Amino acid sequence: MATDREQAIFEAAIKLGALYHQFVGTPISRNSAASVESAIEKAVILQPFVEEITVRLDRSRMTANIYGYSELSGLMFDVEIITRVGFAYCRAKLAPHDGYPLMEIVECHEIPCVSHH
């Protein structure tokens, strides 16, 4: 059985992986980027164990094709997510690192359970 800390890490990782594969290839432009950021945040925050998510898309990588839009690529993502299971929190991110859209655990911590006797 996984600990709450391990489950919080798993939840952060699975949410980032799903987000990446769900939205890569989405038609996007600099004009629509803010609404796509918001839509991704609003979709992911609905899922269990997600406490916070921030999505920023690198508009400088959005070069329009002949039809006036580009496709969302992994290198455009700058995402931070916080998951919580029980009293365990995990902060993870998806961001470019050396030309690769890297997902990584930034920090995990547990808040001690306070009992009132």
Protein backbone atom coordinates (compact mmCIF):
# COMPACT_ATOMS: atom_id res chain seq x y z
CA MET A 1 0.00 0.00 0.00
CA ALA A 2 1.33 3.43 -0.94
CA THR A 3 1.85 6.13 1.66
CA ASP A 4 0.01 9.44 1.30
CA ARG A 5 3.31 11.03 0.20
CA GLU A 6 3.86 8.39 -2.48
CA GLN A 7 0.26 8.74 -3.66
CA ALA A 8 0.57 12.55 -3.85
CA ILE A 9 3.69 12.13 -6.02
CA PHE A 10 1.90 9.61 -8.23
CA GLU A 11 -1.11 11.90 -8.62
CA ALA A 12 1.07 14.86 -9.64
CA ALA A 13 2.98 12.76 -12.16
CA ILE A 14 -0.08 11.15 -13.72
CA LYS A 15 -1.87 14.50 -14.00
CA LEU A 16 1.11 16.11 -15.79
CA GLY A 17 1.49 13.15 -18.15
CA ALA A 18 -2.20 13.17 -19.00
CA LEU A 19 -2.23 16.95 -19.48
CA TYR A 20 0.77 16.77 -21.81
CA HIS A 21 -0.66 14.04 -24.03
CA GLN A 22 -4.18 15.42 -24.01
CA PHE A 23 -3.30 18.93 -25.17
CA VAL A 24 -0.20 18.59 -27.40
CA GLY A 25 -1.34 19.26 -30.96
CA THR A 26 -4.16 21.59 -29.97
CA PRO A 27 -4.53 24.41 -32.51
CA ILE A 28 -3.35 27.60 -30.81
CA SER A 29 -2.42 31.20 -31.51
CA ARG A 30 -1.11 34.04 -29.42
CA ASN A 31 -4.67 35.40 -29.35
CA SER A 32 -6.16 32.14 -28.04
CA ALA A 33 -3.33 31.20 -25.63
CA ALA A 34 -4.91 32.76 -22.53
CA SER A 35 -8.19 30.94 -23.05
CA VAL A 36 -6.37 27.63 -23.64
CA GLU A 37 -4.32 28.16 -20.45
CA SER A 38 -7.54 28.78 -18.53
CA ALA A 39 -9.32 25.78 -20.08
CA ILE A 40 -6.46 23.44 -19.15
CA GLU A 41 -6.41 24.76 -15.56
CA LYS A 42 -10.19 24.44 -15.24
CA ALA A 43 -10.13 20.87 -16.58
CA VAL A 44 -7.25 19.61 -14.43
CA ILE A 45 -8.43 21.25 -11.18
CA LEU A 46 -11.61 19.15 -11.37
CA GLN A 47 -9.64 15.94 -10.88
CA PRO A 48 -9.22 14.30 -7.48
CA PHE A 49 -6.25 15.35 -5.31
CA VAL A 50 -5.43 18.50 -7.33
CA GLU A 51 -5.09 21.52 -5.03
CA GLU A 52 -3.64 24.06 -7.46
CA ILE A 53 -2.47 24.28 -11.05
CA THR A 54 -0.93 27.08 -13.07
CA VAL A 55 -0.51 26.79 -16.83
CA ARG A 56 1.53 29.23 -18.87
CA LEU A 57 2.18 28.77 -22.58
CA ASP A 58 5.26 30.25 -24.24
CA ARG A 59 3.83 32.54 -26.89
CA SER A 60 7.27 33.11 -28.44
CA ARG A 61 7.14 29.50 -29.71
CA MET A 62 3.80 30.09 -31.42
CA THR A 63 4.71 30.70 -35.04
CA ALA A 64 1.66 30.79 -37.27
CA ASN A 65 1.33 28.46 -40.24
CA ILE A 66 -0.23 29.64 -43.51
CA TYR A 67 -3.66 29.39 -41.87
CA GLY A 68 -2.76 31.69 -38.97
CA TYR A 69 -2.25 29.28 -36.09
CA SER A 70 0.32 26.89 -34.66
CA GLU A 71 0.01 23.63 -32.76
CA LEU A 72 0.63 23.38 -29.03
CA SER A 73 3.95 21.64 -28.43
CA GLY A 74 5.48 20.24 -25.28
CA LEU A 75 8.13 22.96 -25.22
CA MET A 76 5.41 25.62 -24.90
CA PHE A 77 4.29 24.30 -21.50
CA ASP A 78 5.25 25.88 -18.19
CA VAL A 79 3.00 24.11 -15.72
CA GLU A 80 3.08 23.81 -11.95
CA ILE A 81 0.74 21.52 -10.05
CA ILE A 82 0.18 20.85 -6.36
CA THR A 83 -1.51 17.64 -5.28
CA ARG A 84 -2.61 16.62 -1.81
CA VAL A 85 -3.39 13.22 -0.39
CA GLY A 86 -4.25 13.25 3.30
CA PHE A 87 -1.70 15.62 4.85
CA ALA A 88 0.93 15.03 2.11
CA TYR A 89 1.54 17.65 -0.57
CA CYS A 90 3.52 17.35 -3.79
CA ARG A 91 4.58 20.20 -6.08
CA ALA A 92 5.63 19.17 -9.58
CA LYS A 93 6.26 20.95 -12.83
CA LEU A 94 6.41 20.52 -16.57
CA ALA A 95 8.76 22.95 -18.31
CA PRO A 96 11.42 23.01 -21.00
CA HIS A 97 14.84 21.81 -19.88
CA ASP A 98 17.69 21.55 -22.39
CA GLY A 99 15.23 21.44 -25.28
CA TYR A 100 13.03 18.76 -23.71
CA PRO A 101 9.62 19.14 -21.98
CA LEU A 102 10.74 17.77 -18.61
CA MET A 103 8.36 16.71 -15.86
CA GLU A 104 9.83 16.71 -12.37
CA ILE A 105 8.93 16.61 -8.72
CA VAL A 106 9.93 19.92 -7.14
CA GLU A 107 9.12 19.22 -3.49
CA CYS A 108 6.99 17.09 -1.23
CA HIS A 109 6.07 17.64 2.38
CA GLU A 110 3.66 16.45 4.99
CA ILE A 111 1.83 18.59 7.49
CA PRO A 112 1.74 16.86 10.86
CA CYS A 113 -1.71 15.87 11.99
CA VAL A 114 -2.79 18.09 14.86
CA SER A 115 -4.99 16.46 17.44
CA HIS A 116 -6.97 18.44 19.97
CA HIS A 117 -7.29 16.58 23.27
